[in-house]
Protein backbone atom coordinates (compact mmCIF):
# COMPACT_ATOMS: atom_id res chain seq x y z
CA MET A 1 0.00 0.00 0.00
CA THR A 2 1.20 3.53 -0.77
CA ASP A 3 1.51 6.02 2.05
CA ASP A 4 0.03 9.53 2.25
CA GLN A 5 3.41 11.16 1.57
CA THR A 6 3.65 9.43 -1.80
CA PHE A 7 0.22 10.71 -2.84
CA ALA A 8 1.02 14.20 -1.53
CA SER A 9 4.19 14.23 -3.60
CA LEU A 10 2.33 13.09 -6.72
CA LEU A 11 -0.34 15.76 -6.25
CA GLY A 12 2.34 18.39 -5.66
CA GLU A 13 4.14 17.46 -8.85
CA ALA A 14 0.87 17.56 -10.78
CA ALA A 15 -0.03 20.97 -9.35
CA MET A 16 3.37 22.36 -10.32
CA ALA A 17 3.00 20.96 -13.84
CA VAL A 18 -0.33 22.72 -14.46
CA TRP A 19 0.29 25.79 -12.27
CA GLY A 20 0.22 28.26 -15.15
CA ASP A 21 -3.15 26.95 -16.33
CA MET A 22 -4.86 27.39 -12.94
CA PRO A 23 -6.98 30.42 -12.11
CA ARG A 24 -5.23 32.89 -9.85
CA ASP A 25 -7.52 32.23 -6.87
CA ILE A 26 -6.70 28.51 -7.02
CA GLN A 27 -2.98 29.28 -7.28
CA GLU A 28 -3.17 31.53 -4.25
CA ALA A 29 -5.17 29.02 -2.21
CA LEU A 30 -2.71 26.22 -2.96
CA PHE A 31 0.29 28.45 -2.31
CA GLU A 32 -1.06 29.73 1.00
CA THR A 33 -2.01 26.23 2.13
CA ALA A 34 1.41 24.84 1.20
CA MET A 35 3.24 27.70 2.92
CA ARG A 36 1.22 27.70 6.15
CA ASP A 37 3.79 27.81 8.98
CA ARG A 38 6.64 27.76 6.44
CA PHE A 39 7.42 31.47 6.13
CA GLU A 40 11.10 30.84 5.39
CA LEU A 41 10.20 28.92 2.20
CA ARG A 42 7.63 31.35 0.71
CA HIS A 43 10.07 33.37 -1.38
CA ASP A 44 11.84 30.30 -2.75
CA LEU A 45 8.61 28.58 -3.81
CA ALA A 46 7.23 31.77 -5.36
CA ARG A 47 10.45 32.26 -7.33
CA LEU A 48 10.40 28.63 -8.54
CA LEU A 49 6.80 28.90 -9.72
CA HIS A 50 7.40 32.22 -11.49
CA GLU A 51 10.50 30.85 -13.22
CA ARG A 52 8.62 27.78 -14.47
CA HIS A 53 5.44 29.65 -15.37
CA PRO A 54 6.26 33.29 -16.23
CA ARG A 55 2.65 34.13 -17.05
CA THR A 56 1.77 33.65 -13.37
CA GLN A 57 3.55 36.91 -12.58
CA HIS A 58 0.42 38.80 -11.64
CA PRO A 59 0.32 42.50 -10.84
CA ALA A 60 -0.11 43.37 -7.19
CA LYS A 61 -3.62 43.06 -5.82
CA PRO A 62 -5.46 46.36 -5.41
CA ASP A 63 -5.80 47.57 -1.81
């Protein structure tokens, strides 16, 4: 039987593969969920996603 970590890794790889095709609100929800309690990794993950999917470089949200 496969453990939860294996499935989590597979889902993570799939999400990264289709990241640029996802609506912005889904991207943000996944990113925020993945980075919960991992502040030190936020910048690195954001940079990785933007390098792989340049069209995800959204303008800043309005205030």
